[in-house]
Amino acid sequence: MDAEPSDKLYATVLRMVIWDERKETVMQVIENNGFTGDAGRKIYQKARNERIATIRADCFRKVLNGLLWIVPAVVISCVTWYWFRGIAERYFLIAPGLLLVGLWRVFDGLLGMLLAPGKKGSVAE
């Protein structure tokens, strides 16, 4: 059957895929609605690709957030180095702390983007 799935069917399949229902369960719903073989696999794969894109978009926001933590660390370090000819004691822990939090968030986001296809559980988690 080469017909396009209805919006209601695709929304149901997408919801199931986003909530990480078992592939067999999702395929059963697709087959019960008359889409078997390649047509059913295409519907499932389209929903799966949308799930992966959603996960990667969330992880990209983590990367940007991490960069926003790194920038002040670099600015504080450069400004204090220029003005005080060294890192002032009161800024000694602030800049490295910001840098570490930023690097951790960037690493977490990049790792999440890389491992998005294998993520288990709901996208919301």
Foldseek 3Di string as FASTA:
>chain_A
DPDDDDPVLLVVLLVCVQQPPDPVVSLVSLVVVPQDDPRSVVSNVVSLVVSLVLQLVVLVVLLVVLVVLLVVLVVLQVVCCVPVVGRDPVCPCVSVVSNVSSVVSNVSSVVSNVCSSVDHGHSVD
